[in-house]
Amino acid sequence: MLQISFIRQNAALVKERLAIKYFGDVSLVDKVIELDEQVRKLKVESETLQADMNAASKAIGVLMGKGEKEAAEQKKQEVTQHKSAMQQLHDELAIAEKHLNNEMVKLPNLPHTSVPKGKTPEENELVREGGTKPVLPLNAVPHWDLIKKYDLVDFETGAKITGSGFPLYKGRGAKLQRALIQYFLDYNIAAGYTEYLPPLLVNEASAFGTGSLPDKEGQMYHAVEDDLYLLPTAEVPVTNIYRDEIVKEKDVPVKMTAYTPCFRREAGSFGSDVRGLNRVHQFDKVEIIQLAHPDKSYEVLEEMVQHVEALLLALKLPYRILRLCGGDMSFTGALTYDFEVFSAAQQKWL
């Protein structure tokens, strides 16, 4: 979440950067500043009233010492009135702060200056390509036919057990999935990342902590009775390990890796682009995450990009790296690189 002090001091810049992301309600910046003014005003009133109450309380002792009981009683009445007014101010302040926070979480992160302008995936910027695209024989078939032929993934039984978009891996399909997860984790650990195995559900505070709420509320599976959310990505629980904590400069960077199943509703997904494993509701993902010093964050990002690139080269997969344009970036992203792998059978980047 953006800091209110930064928003207040750089309102024009915030609006300018939000426009790069095609944020629909730039007027929210002014609303947030106005709400912050209300909060600040209430805090000043509260501090002033507290000072008056302290002075009146101190005066009571002095008057009693002088034997001026009537004047002391008047001061006691003042203190009682101050306490009542203070409670009302505290209630108003709590409501105002909650309102301010509720509006501030609607503001996305600001894009980095290197983020290209654009609104659609077609306007993303190609950084580089690597690997060699294979030339398949004429009788080559896409993965959804291969997995059926060799009984690697059973979509029909997965749909019977849970619903459409929940694949059931079998035999060599399950073994391949497990082997890839292990390979990715070992590769990350060898590069200095510490492995975590986090819970698969998170509370609301954790979802807000990484910006999954309110941005992706419609995409997340919600266990309503317990008010817990299934993971859309391992980033959510792993990042929240350090939520509400101060990390000492000498302890950064903190390098973390984790494997989890991930769950996304993917509402509205249909058509040939989502056939087979192209887009499902449950999938496996291995993440790398670093907590870095702010001055080195973009340097660390480039290091992480190179780490993933080396992995794809080791797997001999043809890939390309895209710098996402403002309109295609996530709510929380400041600078995002997407890796896409070329599917020779589908003749498209995935």
Protein backbone atom coordinates (compact mmCIF):
# COMPACT_ATOMS: atom_id res chain seq x y z
CA MET A 1 0.00 0.00 0.00
CA LEU A 2 1.24 3.51 -0.81
CA GLN A 3 2.31 5.69 2.10
CA ILE A 4 -0.08 8.54 2.83
CA SER A 5 2.82 10.97 3.36
CA PHE A 6 4.09 10.20 -0.16
CA ILE A 7 0.61 10.63 -1.67
CA ARG A 8 0.10 13.93 0.14
CA GLN A 9 3.47 15.36 -0.94
CA ASN A 10 3.38 14.01 -4.53
CA ALA A 11 -0.28 14.07 -5.56
CA ALA A 12 0.40 15.13 -9.16
CA LEU A 13 3.10 12.48 -9.62
CA VAL A 14 0.86 9.76 -8.15
CA LYS A 15 -1.92 10.67 -10.60
CA GLU A 16 0.53 10.72 -13.50
CA ARG A 17 1.91 7.26 -12.67
CA LEU A 18 -1.56 5.80 -12.06
CA ALA A 19 -2.53 6.95 -15.56
CA ILE A 20 0.23 4.67 -16.92
CA LYS A 21 -1.65 1.77 -15.32
CA TYR A 22 -4.96 3.02 -16.76
CA PHE A 23 -6.32 3.26 -13.24
CA GLY A 24 -9.98 4.16 -13.60
CA ASP A 25 -10.52 6.51 -10.66
CA VAL A 26 -7.64 8.99 -10.32
CA SER A 27 -9.95 11.23 -8.26
CA LEU A 28 -9.45 8.70 -5.47
CA VAL A 29 -6.07 10.38 -4.83
CA ASP A 30 -7.83 13.63 -3.90
CA LYS A 31 -10.37 11.74 -1.81
CA VAL A 32 -7.60 10.01 0.14
CA ILE A 33 -5.84 13.32 0.80
CA GLU A 34 -9.13 14.85 1.96
CA LEU A 35 -9.77 11.92 4.32
CA ASP A 36 -6.24 12.21 5.65
CA GLU A 37 -6.87 15.87 6.42
CA GLN A 38 -9.92 14.86 8.45
CA VAL A 39 -7.86 12.31 10.36
CA ARG A 40 -5.09 14.82 11.04
CA LYS A 41 -7.64 17.42 12.21
CA LEU A 42 -9.25 14.96 14.62
CA LYS A 43 -5.82 14.00 15.98
CA VAL A 44 -4.99 17.66 16.65
CA GLU A 45 -8.34 18.15 18.39
CA SER A 46 -7.72 15.03 20.45
CA GLU A 47 -4.23 16.14 21.46
CA THR A 48 -5.50 19.62 22.37
CA LEU A 49 -8.34 18.18 24.45
CA GLN A 50 -5.94 15.78 26.17
CA ALA A 51 -3.67 18.70 27.08
CA ASP A 52 -6.65 20.65 28.50
CA MET A 53 -7.71 17.60 30.50
CA ASN A 54 -4.21 17.10 31.88
CA ALA A 55 -4.04 20.78 32.88
CA ALA A 56 -7.44 20.60 34.58
CA SER A 57 -6.47 17.41 36.44
CA LYS A 58 -3.27 19.05 37.65
CA ALA A 59 -5.21 22.14 38.77
CA ILE A 60 -7.51 20.01 40.94
CA GLY A 61 -4.62 18.99 43.17
CA VAL A 62 -3.36 22.54 43.45
CA LEU A 63 -6.82 23.91 44.37
CA MET A 64 -7.43 21.16 46.90
CA GLY A 65 -4.05 21.99 48.47
CA LYS A 66 -5.17 25.58 48.85
CA GLY A 67 -8.48 24.52 50.33
CA GLU A 68 -10.48 25.86 47.38
CA LYS A 69 -12.88 22.92 47.25
CA GLU A 70 -15.57 24.64 45.17
CA ALA A 71 -13.10 25.59 42.44
CA ALA A 72 -11.66 22.09 42.58
CA GLU A 73 -15.13 20.59 42.08
CA GLN A 74 -15.64 22.79 39.00
CA LYS A 75 -12.35 21.49 37.60
CA LYS A 76 -13.51 17.92 38.24
CA GLN A 77 -16.65 18.62 36.23
CA GLU A 78 -14.45 20.01 33.44
CA VAL A 79 -12.39 16.80 33.47
CA THR A 80 -15.57 14.70 33.30
CA GLN A 81 -16.79 16.73 30.33
CA HIS A 82 -13.35 16.43 28.69
CA LYS A 83 -13.41 12.65 29.12
CA SER A 84 -16.81 12.43 27.48
CA ALA A 85 -15.67 14.64 24.59
CA MET A 86 -12.43 12.63 24.32
CA GLN A 87 -14.33 9.36 23.98
CA GLN A 88 -16.46 10.87 21.22
CA LEU A 89 -13.32 12.12 19.44
CA HIS A 90 -11.68 8.70 19.73
CA ASP A 91 -14.75 7.07 18.17
CA GLU A 92 -14.80 9.61 15.33
CA LEU A 93 -11.06 9.16 14.78
CA ALA A 94 -11.36 5.36 14.63
CA ILE A 95 -14.12 5.65 12.00
CA ALA A 96 -12.15 8.22 9.98
CA GLU A 97 -8.95 6.11 10.06
CA LYS A 98 -10.86 3.01 8.97
CA HIS A 99 -12.49 4.95 6.12
CA LEU A 100 -9.08 6.30 5.05
CA ASN A 101 -7.53 2.84 5.09
CA ASN A 102 -10.44 1.34 3.13
CA GLU A 103 -9.92 3.91 0.38
CA MET A 104 -6.12 3.73 0.37
CA VAL A 105 -6.06 -0.02 -0.30
CA LYS A 106 -7.93 0.69 -3.54
CA LEU A 107 -4.89 2.57 -4.91
CA PRO A 108 -2.51 0.29 -6.85
CA ASN A 109 1.25 0.41 -6.62
CA LEU A 110 2.88 3.00 -8.87
CA PRO A 111 4.68 1.71 -11.99
CA HIS A 112 8.41 2.20 -12.39
CA THR A 113 9.56 4.82 -14.89
CA SER A 114 10.78 2.07 -17.25
CA VAL A 115 7.29 0.56 -17.59
CA PRO A 116 6.13 1.03 -21.20
CA LYS A 117 2.84 2.71 -22.00
CA GLY A 118 0.10 0.43 -23.23
CA LYS A 119 -3.14 -1.19 -22.22
CA THR A 120 -3.13 -4.71 -23.68
CA PRO A 121 -0.77 -7.73 -23.67
CA GLU A 122 0.03 -6.98 -27.32
CA GLU A 123 1.69 -3.75 -26.17
CA ASN A 124 4.13 -5.45 -23.80
CA GLU A 125 7.78 -4.83 -24.58
CA LEU A 126 10.00 -7.71 -25.75
CA VAL A 127 13.22 -7.72 -23.71
CA ARG A 128 14.88 -10.77 -25.28
CA GLU A 129 14.38 -14.32 -26.52
CA GLY A 130 16.41 -17.42 -25.80
CA GLY A 131 16.61 -21.09 -26.63
CA THR A 132 15.77 -22.77 -29.92
CA LYS A 133 12.26 -23.43 -31.15
CA PRO A 134 11.91 -27.11 -32.05
CA VAL A 135 10.68 -28.19 -35.46
CA LEU A 136 8.06 -30.85 -34.90
CA PRO A 137 7.09 -33.58 -37.38
CA LEU A 138 3.87 -33.17 -39.33
CA ASN A 139 2.02 -35.67 -37.14
CA ALA A 140 2.86 -33.80 -33.91
CA VAL A 141 -0.10 -33.26 -31.59
CA PRO A 142 -0.76 -30.76 -28.76
CA HIS A 143 -0.36 -31.71 -25.12
CA TRP A 144 -4.08 -32.33 -24.51
CA ASP A 145 -3.93 -35.20 -27.01
CA LEU A 146 -0.61 -36.54 -25.68
CA ILE A 147 -1.77 -36.68 -22.07
CA LYS A 148 -4.88 -38.55 -23.16
CA LYS A 149 -2.96 -41.00 -25.33
CA TYR A 150 -0.45 -41.84 -22.59
CA ASP A 151 -2.94 -41.48 -19.69
CA LEU A 152 -0.93 -38.76 -17.93
CA VAL A 153 -3.75 -36.45 -16.80
CA ASP A 154 -7.40 -37.36 -16.33
CA PHE A 155 -9.61 -34.26 -16.66
CA GLU A 156 -12.89 -36.21 -16.63
CA THR A 157 -12.25 -37.89 -13.28
CA GLY A 158 -10.89 -34.63 -11.87
CA ALA A 159 -14.16 -32.99 -12.87
CA LYS A 160 -16.10 -35.81 -11.19
CA ILE A 161 -14.12 -35.44 -7.97
CA THR A 162 -14.18 -31.64 -7.83
CA GLY A 163 -15.25 -29.86 -10.99
CA SER A 164 -14.01 -28.62 -14.35
CA GLY A 165 -10.46 -27.27 -14.28
CA PHE A 166 -9.16 -29.57 -11.53
CA PRO A 167 -6.81 -32.04 -13.24
CA LEU A 168 -6.03 -35.49 -11.84
CA TYR A 169 -2.40 -36.42 -12.59
CA LYS A 170 -1.70 -40.13 -13.00
CA GLY A 171 1.32 -42.41 -13.28
CA ARG A 172 4.07 -40.77 -15.30
CA GLY A 173 2.11 -37.51 -15.37
CA ALA A 174 2.17 -37.34 -11.58
CA LYS A 175 5.83 -38.39 -11.51
CA LEU A 176 6.80 -35.69 -14.02
CA GLN A 177 4.95 -33.02 -12.02
CA ARG A 178 6.67 -34.12 -8.79
CA ALA A 179 10.08 -34.29 -10.49
CA LEU A 180 9.76 -30.76 -11.88
CA ILE A 181 8.77 -29.37 -8.47
CA GLN A 182 11.78 -31.07 -6.87
CA TYR A 183 14.09 -29.87 -9.64
CA PHE A 184 12.94 -26.26 -9.27
CA LEU A 185 13.28 -26.32 -5.46
CA ASP A 186 16.76 -27.88 -5.57
CA TYR A 187 17.82 -25.33 -8.18
CA ASN A 188 16.61 -22.45 -6.00
CA ILE A 189 18.13 -23.84 -2.79
CA ALA A 190 21.49 -24.19 -4.55
CA ALA A 191 21.27 -20.45 -5.34
CA GLY A 192 20.90 -19.58 -1.65
CA TYR A 193 17.13 -19.58 -1.24
CA THR A 194 15.64 -21.06 1.95
CA GLU A 195 12.76 -23.46 1.35
CA TYR A 196 9.40 -22.95 3.07
CA LEU A 197 6.31 -25.13 3.06
CA PRO A 198 3.53 -22.68 4.02
CA PRO A 199 -0.15 -23.19 4.89
CA LEU A 200 -2.43 -23.43 1.87
CA LEU A 201 -5.03 -21.07 3.34
CA VAL A 202 -4.49 -17.52 4.54
CA ASN A 203 -6.51 -15.06 6.59
CA GLU A 204 -7.87 -11.77 5.32
CA ALA A 205 -4.98 -9.74 6.76
CA SER A 206 -2.47 -11.82 4.79
CA ALA A 207 -4.47 -11.45 1.58
CA PHE A 208 -4.58 -7.67 2.09
CA GLY A 209 -0.87 -7.67 2.95
CA THR A 210 0.11 -8.72 -0.57
CA GLY A 211 -2.64 -6.86 -2.41
CA SER A 212 -4.61 -9.99 -3.35
CA LEU A 213 -7.49 -8.25 -1.61
CA PRO A 214 -9.32 -6.24 -2.65
CA ASP A 215 -7.90 -6.56 -6.19
CA LYS A 216 -8.42 -10.28 -6.82
CA GLU A 217 -11.33 -10.99 -4.51
CA GLY A 218 -13.41 -12.48 -7.32
CA GLN A 219 -10.59 -14.82 -8.37
CA MET A 220 -9.85 -16.28 -4.95
CA TYR A 221 -11.62 -19.25 -3.39
CA HIS A 222 -13.08 -18.20 -0.05
CA ALA A 223 -13.88 -20.55 2.85
CA VAL A 224 -16.66 -18.30 4.13
CA GLU A 225 -17.38 -19.95 7.48
CA ASP A 226 -13.74 -19.65 8.61
CA ASP A 227 -13.05 -16.47 6.59
CA LEU A 228 -9.94 -18.02 5.04
CA TYR A 229 -8.74 -17.87 1.43
CA LEU A 230 -7.11 -20.60 -0.65
CA LEU A 231 -3.75 -19.53 -2.03
CA PRO A 232 -3.71 -17.90 -5.46
CA THR A 233 0.11 -18.12 -5.24
CA ALA A 234 2.79 -19.01 -2.67
CA GLU A 235 3.81 -15.34 -2.70
CA VAL A 236 0.95 -14.59 -0.31
CA PRO A 237 1.91 -16.73 2.72
CA VAL A 238 5.67 -16.46 2.20
CA THR A 239 5.68 -12.65 1.93
CA ASN A 240 3.46 -12.47 5.01
CA ILE A 241 6.10 -14.23 7.09
CA TYR A 242 7.57 -10.74 7.53
CA ARG A 243 4.29 -8.82 7.74
CA ASP A 244 4.31 -6.27 10.59
CA GLU A 245 8.00 -6.94 11.23
CA ILE A 246 11.04 -4.72 10.77
CA VAL A 247 13.92 -6.47 9.01
CA LYS A 248 17.36 -5.18 9.95
CA GLU A 249 19.48 -3.90 7.09
CA LYS A 250 22.25 -6.37 7.94
CA ASP A 251 19.82 -9.26 7.45
CA VAL A 252 18.82 -8.47 3.86
CA PRO A 253 18.47 -9.84 1.31
CA VAL A 254 16.15 -12.54 2.63
CA LYS A 255 15.85 -15.22 -0.07
CA MET A 256 12.87 -17.59 0.10
CA THR A 257 11.46 -20.31 -2.13
CA ALA A 258 8.29 -22.35 -1.76
CA TYR A 259 6.19 -24.88 -3.59
CA THR A 260 2.41 -24.87 -3.19
CA PRO A 261 -0.64 -25.88 -5.11
CA CYS A 262 -2.40 -22.68 -6.23
CA PHE A 263 -6.11 -22.07 -6.65
CA ARG A 264 -7.78 -19.50 -8.92
CA ARG A 265 -11.37 -19.28 -10.04
CA GLU A 266 -10.38 -17.85 -13.46
CA ALA A 267 -13.96 -16.66 -13.90
CA GLY A 268 -14.99 -16.21 -17.52
CA SER A 269 -12.16 -18.33 -18.97
CA PHE A 270 -13.25 -20.37 -21.98
CA GLY A 271 -12.33 -21.23 -25.57
CA SER A 272 -9.33 -22.79 -27.31
CA ASP A 273 -6.85 -20.73 -25.28
CA VAL A 274 -7.78 -22.64 -22.14
CA ARG A 275 -7.71 -26.20 -23.47
CA GLY A 276 -5.88 -28.90 -21.56
CA LEU A 277 -3.48 -27.49 -18.98
CA ASN A 278 -3.36 -24.01 -20.52
CA ARG A 279 -5.60 -22.63 -17.80
CA VAL A 280 -6.94 -24.58 -14.84
CA HIS A 281 -8.32 -23.78 -11.38
CA GLN A 282 -5.65 -25.75 -9.50
CA PHE A 283 -2.01 -25.83 -10.54
CA ASP A 284 1.44 -26.27 -8.98
CA LYS A 285 3.90 -23.42 -8.68
CA VAL A 286 7.37 -22.89 -7.24
CA GLU A 287 8.11 -19.30 -6.23
CA ILE A 288 11.24 -17.33 -5.48
CA ILE A 289 10.90 -14.24 -3.29
CA GLN A 290 13.43 -11.78 -1.96
CA LEU A 291 13.18 -9.04 0.65
CA ALA A 292 15.81 -6.53 -0.35
CA HIS A 293 16.99 -3.06 0.60
CA PRO A 294 14.85 -0.50 -1.29
CA ASP A 295 17.96 0.97 -2.92
CA LYS A 296 18.77 -2.43 -4.43
CA SER A 297 15.29 -3.76 -5.19
CA TYR A 298 15.44 -3.34 -8.97
CA GLU A 299 18.98 -4.72 -9.07
CA VAL A 300 17.73 -7.77 -7.17
CA LEU A 301 14.79 -8.10 -9.56
CA GLU A 302 17.20 -8.30 -12.50
CA GLU A 303 19.18 -10.95 -10.61
CA MET A 304 16.00 -12.99 -10.13
CA VAL A 305 15.13 -12.67 -13.83
CA GLN A 306 18.56 -14.07 -14.72
CA HIS A 307 18.02 -16.91 -12.23
CA VAL A 308 14.78 -17.97 -13.94
CA GLU A 309 16.31 -17.49 -17.38
CA ALA A 310 19.16 -19.86 -16.51
CA LEU A 311 16.61 -22.44 -15.40
CA LEU A 312 14.81 -22.30 -18.75
CA LEU A 313 18.12 -22.59 -20.59
CA ALA A 314 18.98 -25.65 -18.51
CA LEU A 315 15.64 -27.20 -19.49
CA LYS A 316 16.33 -26.28 -23.16
CA LEU A 317 13.00 -24.52 -23.48
CA PRO A 318 12.53 -21.73 -26.03
CA TYR A 319 11.47 -18.64 -24.10
CA ARG A 320 10.98 -14.91 -24.30
CA ILE A 321 11.00 -12.23 -21.61
CA LEU A 322 8.45 -9.40 -21.73
CA ARG A 323 8.36 -6.16 -19.78
CA LEU A 324 4.69 -5.64 -19.09
CA CYS A 325 3.06 -2.39 -20.11
CA GLY A 326 1.19 -0.34 -17.53
CA GLY A 327 -2.26 -1.59 -18.49
CA ASP A 328 -1.25 -5.27 -18.28
CA MET A 329 0.46 -5.08 -14.89
CA SER A 330 -0.88 -6.40 -11.62
CA PHE A 331 -2.40 -4.21 -8.93
CA THR A 332 0.71 -4.48 -6.73
CA GLY A 333 3.39 -4.51 -9.43
CA ALA A 334 5.87 -1.68 -9.95
CA LEU A 335 7.90 -3.46 -12.65
CA THR A 336 6.97 -6.87 -14.02
CA TYR A 337 8.75 -9.30 -16.31
CA ASP A 338 6.75 -12.16 -17.78
CA PHE A 339 8.43 -15.32 -19.03
CA GLU A 340 6.68 -17.11 -21.86
CA VAL A 341 7.62 -20.50 -23.28
CA PHE A 342 6.95 -21.34 -26.93
CA SER A 343 4.61 -24.26 -27.58
CA ALA A 344 5.63 -25.71 -30.92
CA ALA A 345 2.51 -27.88 -31.14
CA GLN A 346 0.19 -24.93 -30.50
CA GLN A 347 2.44 -22.48 -32.38
CA LYS A 348 2.03 -19.86 -29.68
CA TRP A 349 3.71 -18.36 -26.64
CA LEU A 350 2.32 -19.52 -23.31
